[in-house]
Amino acid sequence: MAEREKRLRKLLAVQEKLKALHETRHAGHVAAAAAARADAEDLAARFDAEGSMAMTFPDVYNRGIATALGKERANLRLAETEAQRVAIATARANMVERAWREERRADERSRTERELLELLARKAAPP
């Protein structure tokens, strides 16, 4: 029984690391989306600023804004995908943790029963 408990504990550690990886990737995508949104807003502010080169090169500014907004949308889609993976990894980790805890309880129960039977056998044996 202890062997299965050890394997489940190792599997739980792997599942927790996988969950942390997906959480980190999700946070990275959210941060990248926020940075792209900030870039788009910065370009839009400079486009409207007095003395800007926007009147000379409006296509460059518009293309930059569109590119930044496209990056934001792409990163938000990636963040949503990672959020789904986090949910899946969390569910798997919870299942493995439940199995590990059940195995640990069963192992402890078995050990206690064995000790009790040994104690009873010693008491029942003639002196």
N, C-alpha and C. Protein backbone atom coordinates (compact mmCIF):
# COMPACT_ATOMS: atom_id res chain seq x y z
N MET A 1 0.82 -1.19 0.00
CA MET A 1 0.00 0.00 0.00
C MET A 1 0.86 1.26 0.00
N ALA A 2 1.97 1.23 0.71
CA ALA A 2 2.82 2.42 0.81
C ALA A 2 3.38 2.79 -0.55
N GLU A 3 3.61 1.81 -1.39
CA GLU A 3 4.15 2.09 -2.72
C GLU A 3 3.15 2.91 -3.56
N ARG A 4 1.91 2.53 -3.51
CA ARG A 4 0.88 3.28 -4.25
C ARG A 4 0.76 4.70 -3.70
N GLU A 5 0.86 4.83 -2.39
CA GLU A 5 0.79 6.14 -1.76
C GLU A 5 1.95 7.03 -2.25
N LYS A 6 3.14 6.46 -2.35
CA LYS A 6 4.30 7.21 -2.83
C LYS A 6 4.12 7.64 -4.28
N ARG A 7 3.61 6.72 -5.10
CA ARG A 7 3.37 7.06 -6.52
C ARG A 7 2.34 8.16 -6.65
N LEU A 8 1.28 8.08 -5.86
CA LEU A 8 0.24 9.12 -5.91
C LEU A 8 0.80 10.46 -5.44
N ARG A 9 1.66 10.45 -4.43
CA ARG A 9 2.25 11.70 -3.94
C ARG A 9 3.14 12.33 -5.03
N LYS A 10 3.91 11.49 -5.72
CA LYS A 10 4.75 12.00 -6.82
C LYS A 10 3.88 12.54 -7.95
N LEU A 11 2.81 11.83 -8.26
CA LEU A 11 1.90 12.29 -9.31
C LEU A 11 1.25 13.61 -8.91
N LEU A 12 0.91 13.75 -7.65
CA LEU A 12 0.33 15.00 -7.16
C LEU A 12 1.33 16.15 -7.32
N ALA A 13 2.59 15.90 -7.02
CA ALA A 13 3.62 16.93 -7.18
C ALA A 13 3.73 17.35 -8.64
N VAL A 14 3.68 16.40 -9.55
CA VAL A 14 3.74 16.70 -10.98
C VAL A 14 2.52 17.52 -11.41
N GLN A 15 1.34 17.12 -10.94
CA GLN A 15 0.12 17.84 -11.29
C GLN A 15 0.16 19.28 -10.76
N GLU A 16 0.69 19.47 -9.57
CA GLU A 16 0.79 20.82 -9.01
C GLU A 16 1.77 21.67 -9.81
N LYS A 17 2.87 21.08 -10.26
CA LYS A 17 3.83 21.81 -11.10
C LYS A 17 3.21 22.18 -12.44
N LEU A 18 2.46 21.27 -13.01
CA LEU A 18 1.79 21.53 -14.28
C LEU A 18 0.77 22.66 -14.12
N LYS A 19 0.04 22.64 -13.04
CA LYS A 19 -0.93 23.70 -12.76
C LYS A 19 -0.21 25.04 -12.62
N ALA A 20 0.91 25.06 -11.90
CA ALA A 20 1.68 26.30 -11.73
C ALA A 20 2.20 26.80 -13.07
N LEU A 21 2.61 25.89 -13.94
CA LEU A 21 3.08 26.28 -15.27
C LEU A 21 1.97 26.98 -16.05
N HIS A 22 0.78 26.40 -16.04
CA HIS A 22 -0.34 27.00 -16.77
C HIS A 22 -0.74 28.34 -16.15
N GLU A 23 -0.68 28.43 -14.83
CA GLU A 23 -1.00 29.71 -14.18
C GLU A 23 0.01 30.79 -14.58
N THR A 24 1.28 30.41 -14.65
CA THR A 24 2.32 31.35 -15.05
C THR A 24 2.13 31.79 -16.50
N ARG A 25 1.84 30.83 -17.36
CA ARG A 25 1.62 31.18 -18.77
C ARG A 25 0.39 32.07 -18.92
N HIS A 26 -0.66 31.80 -18.16
CA HIS A 26 -1.86 32.63 -18.20
C HIS A 26 -1.52 34.06 -17.80
N ALA A 27 -0.79 34.19 -16.71
CA ALA A 27 -0.41 35.53 -16.25
C ALA A 27 0.46 36.25 -17.29
N GLY A 28 1.33 35.52 -17.95
CA GLY A 28 2.16 36.12 -19.00
C GLY A 28 1.34 36.63 -20.16
N HIS A 29 0.34 35.85 -20.56
CA HIS A 29 -0.52 36.28 -21.67
C HIS A 29 -1.37 37.49 -21.28
N VAL A 30 -1.85 37.50 -20.06
CA VAL A 30 -2.64 38.65 -19.59
C VAL A 30 -1.76 39.90 -19.56
N ALA A 31 -0.53 39.75 -19.08
CA ALA A 31 0.39 40.89 -19.03
C ALA A 31 0.73 41.37 -20.44
N ALA A 32 0.94 40.44 -21.37
CA ALA A 32 1.23 40.82 -22.75
C ALA A 32 0.04 41.53 -23.39
N ALA A 33 -1.16 41.09 -23.08
CA ALA A 33 -2.35 41.75 -23.61
C ALA A 33 -2.47 43.17 -23.05
N ALA A 34 -2.17 43.33 -21.78
CA ALA A 34 -2.22 44.66 -21.17
C ALA A 34 -1.16 45.58 -21.77
N ALA A 35 0.02 45.03 -22.04
CA ALA A 35 1.08 45.82 -22.65
C ALA A 35 0.70 46.24 -24.07
N ALA A 36 0.09 45.32 -24.82
CA ALA A 36 -0.35 45.65 -26.18
C ALA A 36 -1.43 46.72 -26.15
N ARG A 37 -2.35 46.63 -25.19
CA ARG A 37 -3.40 47.64 -25.04
C ARG A 37 -2.76 49.00 -24.71
N ALA A 38 -1.77 49.00 -23.84
CA ALA A 38 -1.09 50.25 -23.48
C ALA A 38 -0.37 50.83 -24.69
N ASP A 39 0.25 49.98 -25.51
CA ASP A 39 0.91 50.45 -26.73
C ASP A 39 -0.10 51.10 -27.67
N ALA A 40 -1.25 50.45 -27.84
CA ALA A 40 -2.28 51.00 -28.73
C ALA A 40 -2.77 52.35 -28.21
N GLU A 41 -2.98 52.44 -26.90
CA GLU A 41 -3.44 53.71 -26.32
C GLU A 41 -2.37 54.79 -26.45
N ASP A 42 -1.11 54.41 -26.28
CA ASP A 42 -0.01 55.37 -26.41
C ASP A 42 0.08 55.89 -27.85
N LEU A 43 -0.04 54.97 -28.82
CA LEU A 43 -0.01 55.39 -30.23
C LEU A 43 -1.19 56.29 -30.55
N ALA A 44 -2.36 55.95 -30.02
CA ALA A 44 -3.54 56.77 -30.27
C ALA A 44 -3.38 58.16 -29.65
N ALA A 45 -2.78 58.23 -28.46
CA ALA A 45 -2.56 59.53 -27.82
C ALA A 45 -1.56 60.36 -28.62
N ARG A 46 -0.51 59.70 -29.11
CA ARG A 46 0.47 60.44 -29.92
C ARG A 46 -0.11 60.85 -31.27
N PHE A 47 -1.04 60.04 -31.77
CA PHE A 47 -1.68 60.35 -33.05
C PHE A 47 -2.47 61.65 -32.93
N ASP A 48 -3.11 61.84 -31.79
CA ASP A 48 -3.94 63.02 -31.57
C ASP A 48 -3.15 64.21 -31.01
N ALA A 49 -1.89 63.99 -30.65
CA ALA A 49 -1.10 65.06 -30.03
C ALA A 49 -0.74 66.14 -31.04
N GLU A 50 -0.62 67.31 -30.50
CA GLU A 50 -0.26 68.45 -31.35
C GLU A 50 1.22 68.33 -31.73
N GLY A 51 1.53 68.61 -32.96
CA GLY A 51 2.90 68.54 -33.44
C GLY A 51 3.35 67.12 -33.74
N SER A 52 2.44 66.20 -33.82
CA SER A 52 2.81 64.81 -34.07
C SER A 52 3.01 64.60 -35.57
N MET A 53 3.71 63.55 -35.87
CA MET A 53 3.97 63.19 -37.27
C MET A 53 2.80 62.42 -37.87
N ALA A 54 1.72 62.32 -37.13
CA ALA A 54 0.57 61.54 -37.57
C ALA A 54 -0.03 62.07 -38.86
N MET A 55 -0.03 63.35 -39.03
CA MET A 55 -0.60 63.90 -40.26
C MET A 55 0.28 63.57 -41.47
N THR A 56 1.58 63.42 -41.21
CA THR A 56 2.49 63.07 -42.30
C THR A 56 2.43 61.58 -42.60
N PHE A 57 2.36 60.75 -41.56
CA PHE A 57 2.36 59.29 -41.73
C PHE A 57 1.16 58.65 -41.01
N PRO A 58 -0.06 58.95 -41.44
CA PRO A 58 -1.22 58.39 -40.72
C PRO A 58 -1.31 56.88 -40.85
N ASP A 59 -0.87 56.33 -41.97
CA ASP A 59 -0.94 54.88 -42.16
C ASP A 59 -0.05 54.14 -41.16
N VAL A 60 1.11 54.71 -40.86
CA VAL A 60 2.03 54.07 -39.92
C VAL A 60 1.38 54.00 -38.54
N TYR A 61 0.78 55.09 -38.10
CA TYR A 61 0.13 55.11 -36.80
C TYR A 61 -1.06 54.16 -36.76
N ASN A 62 -1.88 54.22 -37.79
CA ASN A 62 -3.06 53.34 -37.83
C ASN A 62 -2.67 51.87 -37.88
N ARG A 63 -1.64 51.56 -38.64
CA ARG A 63 -1.16 50.17 -38.72
C ARG A 63 -0.60 49.74 -37.36
N GLY A 64 0.13 50.63 -36.70
CA GLY A 64 0.68 50.31 -35.37
C GLY A 64 -0.42 50.08 -34.35
N ILE A 65 -1.44 50.90 -34.39
CA ILE A 65 -2.57 50.73 -33.46
C ILE A 65 -3.28 49.41 -33.75
N ALA A 66 -3.52 49.14 -35.03
CA ALA A 66 -4.21 47.89 -35.39
C ALA A 66 -3.38 46.67 -34.99
N THR A 67 -2.08 46.76 -35.18
CA THR A 67 -1.20 45.65 -34.80
C THR A 67 -1.24 45.42 -33.30
N ALA A 68 -1.17 46.51 -32.54
CA ALA A 68 -1.20 46.39 -31.08
C ALA A 68 -2.52 45.81 -30.61
N LEU A 69 -3.62 46.24 -31.18
CA LEU A 69 -4.93 45.69 -30.79
C LEU A 69 -5.06 44.22 -31.19
N GLY A 70 -4.46 43.88 -32.34
CA GLY A 70 -4.46 42.47 -32.76
C GLY A 70 -3.66 41.61 -31.79
N LYS A 71 -2.52 42.13 -31.33
CA LYS A 71 -1.72 41.40 -30.34
C LYS A 71 -2.49 41.25 -29.03
N GLU A 72 -3.23 42.29 -28.67
CA GLU A 72 -4.03 42.20 -27.45
C GLU A 72 -5.07 41.09 -27.57
N ARG A 73 -5.79 41.06 -28.68
CA ARG A 73 -6.82 40.02 -28.88
C ARG A 73 -6.19 38.63 -28.88
N ALA A 74 -5.06 38.49 -29.56
CA ALA A 74 -4.39 37.18 -29.62
C ALA A 74 -3.96 36.73 -28.23
N ASN A 75 -3.39 37.65 -27.46
CA ASN A 75 -2.95 37.29 -26.11
C ASN A 75 -4.13 36.99 -25.19
N LEU A 76 -5.23 37.68 -25.37
CA LEU A 76 -6.42 37.37 -24.57
C LEU A 76 -6.97 35.99 -24.91
N ARG A 77 -6.92 35.62 -26.19
CA ARG A 77 -7.35 34.26 -26.58
C ARG A 77 -6.42 33.22 -25.95
N LEU A 78 -5.11 33.49 -26.01
CA LEU A 78 -4.15 32.56 -25.40
C LEU A 78 -4.36 32.48 -23.88
N ALA A 79 -4.66 33.61 -23.27
CA ALA A 79 -4.91 33.62 -21.82
C ALA A 79 -6.15 32.80 -21.49
N GLU A 80 -7.16 32.89 -22.32
CA GLU A 80 -8.38 32.11 -22.08
C GLU A 80 -8.08 30.61 -22.21
N THR A 81 -7.29 30.25 -23.20
CA THR A 81 -6.90 28.85 -23.36
C THR A 81 -6.14 28.37 -22.13
N GLU A 82 -5.21 29.18 -21.66
CA GLU A 82 -4.45 28.79 -20.48
C GLU A 82 -5.34 28.73 -19.24
N ALA A 83 -6.33 29.60 -19.16
CA ALA A 83 -7.26 29.55 -18.03
C ALA A 83 -8.02 28.22 -18.03
N GLN A 84 -8.40 27.76 -19.21
CA GLN A 84 -9.06 26.45 -19.30
C GLN A 84 -8.12 25.34 -18.88
N ARG A 85 -6.86 25.45 -19.27
CA ARG A 85 -5.87 24.44 -18.88
C ARG A 85 -5.62 24.47 -17.37
N VAL A 86 -5.66 25.66 -16.79
CA VAL A 86 -5.52 25.76 -15.32
C VAL A 86 -6.68 25.04 -14.65
N ALA A 87 -7.87 25.24 -15.16
CA ALA A 87 -9.05 24.58 -14.58
C ALA A 87 -8.93 23.06 -14.69
N ILE A 88 -8.48 22.59 -15.83
CA ILE A 88 -8.31 21.14 -16.02
C ILE A 88 -7.22 20.61 -15.09
N ALA A 89 -6.09 21.32 -15.01
CA ALA A 89 -5.00 20.88 -14.14
C ALA A 89 -5.43 20.90 -12.68
N THR A 90 -6.23 21.88 -12.30
CA THR A 90 -6.73 21.95 -10.93
C THR A 90 -7.62 20.75 -10.62
N ALA A 91 -8.50 20.42 -11.55
CA ALA A 91 -9.38 19.27 -11.36
C ALA A 91 -8.58 17.98 -11.23
N ARG A 92 -7.58 17.82 -12.09
CA ARG A 92 -6.74 16.62 -12.03
C ARG A 92 -5.98 16.55 -10.71
N ALA A 93 -5.41 17.67 -10.31
CA ALA A 93 -4.66 17.71 -9.05
C ALA A 93 -5.58 17.37 -7.87
N ASN A 94 -6.80 17.88 -7.90
CA ASN A 94 -7.75 17.58 -6.83
C ASN A 94 -8.10 16.10 -6.79
N MET A 95 -8.28 15.50 -7.97
CA MET A 95 -8.60 14.07 -8.03
C MET A 95 -7.44 13.24 -7.48
N VAL A 96 -6.22 13.58 -7.89
CA VAL A 96 -5.06 12.83 -7.42
C VAL A 96 -4.87 13.04 -5.91
N GLU A 97 -5.10 14.25 -5.46
CA GLU A 97 -4.96 14.50 -4.02
C GLU A 97 -5.98 13.70 -3.21
N ARG A 98 -7.20 13.63 -3.71
CA ARG A 98 -8.22 12.82 -3.02
C ARG A 98 -7.79 11.36 -2.97
N ALA A 99 -7.31 10.84 -4.09
CA ALA A 99 -6.87 9.44 -4.14
C ALA A 99 -5.70 9.21 -3.18
N TRP A 100 -4.78 10.17 -3.15
CA TRP A 100 -3.62 10.05 -2.26
C TRP A 100 -4.06 10.05 -0.80
N ARG A 101 -4.96 10.97 -0.45
CA ARG A 101 -5.45 11.03 0.94
C ARG A 101 -6.20 9.75 1.33
N GLU A 102 -7.02 9.23 0.41
CA GLU A 102 -7.74 7.98 0.68
C GLU A 102 -6.75 6.84 0.88
N GLU A 103 -5.74 6.78 0.04
CA GLU A 103 -4.73 5.72 0.16
C GLU A 103 -3.98 5.86 1.47
N ARG A 104 -3.66 7.09 1.86
CA ARG A 104 -2.96 7.32 3.12
C ARG A 104 -3.82 6.88 4.30
N ARG A 105 -5.11 7.22 4.25
CA ARG A 105 -6.01 6.79 5.33
C ARG A 105 -6.14 5.27 5.37
N ALA A 106 -6.25 4.65 4.21
CA ALA A 106 -6.37 3.19 4.15
C ALA A 106 -5.11 2.53 4.69
N ASP A 107 -3.96 3.09 4.35
CA ASP A 107 -2.69 2.55 4.82
C ASP A 107 -2.58 2.69 6.34
N GLU A 108 -2.98 3.83 6.85
CA GLU A 108 -2.95 4.07 8.29
C GLU A 108 -3.92 3.12 9.00
N ARG A 109 -5.11 2.95 8.43
CA ARG A 109 -6.11 2.04 9.00
C ARG A 109 -5.57 0.61 9.03
N SER A 110 -4.94 0.19 7.94
CA SER A 110 -4.38 -1.16 7.85
C SER A 110 -3.27 -1.35 8.89
N ARG A 111 -2.43 -0.35 9.03
CA ARG A 111 -1.34 -0.42 10.00
C ARG A 111 -1.90 -0.52 11.42
N THR A 112 -2.92 0.26 11.72
CA THR A 112 -3.54 0.23 13.05
C THR A 112 -4.18 -1.12 13.32
N GLU A 113 -4.87 -1.67 12.32
CA GLU A 113 -5.49 -2.99 12.48
C GLU A 113 -4.45 -4.07 12.73
N ARG A 114 -3.34 -4.00 12.00
CA ARG A 114 -2.26 -4.98 12.17
C ARG A 114 -1.68 -4.91 13.58
N GLU A 115 -1.44 -3.69 14.06
CA GLU A 115 -0.90 -3.52 15.40
C GLU A 115 -1.88 -4.05 16.45
N LEU A 116 -3.16 -3.80 16.24
CA LEU A 116 -4.18 -4.29 17.18
C LEU A 116 -4.23 -5.81 17.18
N LEU A 117 -4.17 -6.41 15.99
CA LEU A 117 -4.17 -7.88 15.92
C LEU A 117 -2.94 -8.47 16.58
N GLU A 118 -1.78 -7.85 16.41
CA GLU A 118 -0.56 -8.34 17.05
C GLU A 118 -0.68 -8.23 18.57
N LEU A 119 -1.25 -7.13 19.04
CA LEU A 119 -1.44 -6.95 20.47
C LEU A 119 -2.39 -8.01 21.03
N LEU A 120 -3.49 -8.25 20.31
CA LEU A 120 -4.43 -9.28 20.74
C LEU A 120 -3.80 -10.67 20.72
N ALA A 121 -2.98 -10.93 19.70
CA ALA A 121 -2.33 -12.24 19.60
C ALA A 121 -1.37 -12.43 20.76
N ARG A 122 -0.65 -11.38 21.16
CA ARG A 122 0.28 -11.49 22.28
C ARG A 122 -0.46 -11.73 23.59
N LYS A 123 -1.62 -11.07 23.75
CA LYS A 123 -2.39 -11.25 24.98
C LYS A 123 -3.03 -12.64 25.05
N ALA A 124 -3.42 -13.16 23.89
CA ALA A 124 -4.08 -14.46 23.85
C ALA A 124 -3.09 -15.61 23.99
N ALA A 125 -1.83 -15.37 23.69
CA ALA A 125 -0.82 -16.44 23.78
C ALA A 125 -0.56 -16.76 25.27
N PRO A 126 -0.40 -18.08 25.55
CA PRO A 126 -0.14 -18.45 26.95
C PRO A 126 1.26 -17.95 27.40
N PRO A 127 1.36 -17.54 28.65
CA PRO A 127 2.63 -17.01 29.16
C PRO A 127 3.70 -18.03 29.34
